[in-house]
Amino acid sequence: MRRFQCALLAAVAAIGFTSIASAADMPVKAPVYKAAPAIAAPNWAGWYVGANAGWVGSTSNTITNTGTDTGAFGLGSSIGTEIPAAIDLGYSGFIGGGQLGYNWQAGNWVYGLEADFDGASAKSSATIPDAPAFGLFAPVTTNAARELDWLGTFRGRIGITPAAPFLLYATGGLAVGKHQLGIGVVAPAALPPANLFNQTSTTSAGWTIGAGAEWMFAPHWSLKAEYLYVDLGSISSTINYAYGANTSSLTATVRDTMNIVRGGINYHF
């Protein structure tokens, strides 16, 4: 019996050794690693909608005064004496609103159209005392006021993507805005005394040009920074004064141009 047990143990040991040797001779397989899925470059093509906010400031700040008189005296003859021939008056303030646009993309080039509408809170006023020279109406106080109420643009855009999530673009097109200009004269010594003021409020069409940069920081979302130069053309405001059988007028005129710097966010569909 003892001999049988020894023989059995020897056989089991031989079989185990053979299995271990066979496993050692098997080739070792290297681990297989899967590559991370590629992240698709942002696609700028399609519709987008967003909001913007920033600063607007006038660049043409000289109001020019001209006048007419049917008699020997009047508002026209007082320009350069009691009434200044030019008034330096600009405006600046907040501008903000929303935009809607569509892009086409061809390789690294992006083409598009964008329309926006912004409300503005940009106004200023000035009170100019009588000039040193003595004249018909002395003493005289001249008042002036300017304001931008709202602005809309419809622009083309052309840009390039130097890196996948970034877009640099130039833009330009139509600009339409509501702006105001006021002019007034207070002359208590005139005959008859004058306390005149007129505020002209009009909607004007002009043009705009600018540039910007946009960053698509997440799928469907982008941030932008933009500069625009806007020219709405000239605006005038006139007051009239009657003295005896004669009449006179004073017309203030300024060309309304402005700089706009703003930021915004867009959602791309």
Foldseek 3Di string as FASTA:
>chain_A
DVVVVVVVVVVVVVVVVVVVVVVVPDDDDDDDDDDDDDDDFADQFAKKKWKKKFKKKWDWFKKAKAKDKPDPDDPRVCDVFFNDRIDGGMKMFMKIWMKIKGWDDDVFKIKIKMKIKIFTDIKDKDKDWGHPHDDQQPGKIKIKMKFWGMKMWIKIKMWGPPDRFKIKIKMKGKMKTKMKMKIWMFRVRHAPTGTKMDMDIDIFMWMKIWIKMWGQPDHQKIKMKIKMKTWRAKDKDKIKDDHDPMIMMMMIMITTIMMIIMMMMMGGD
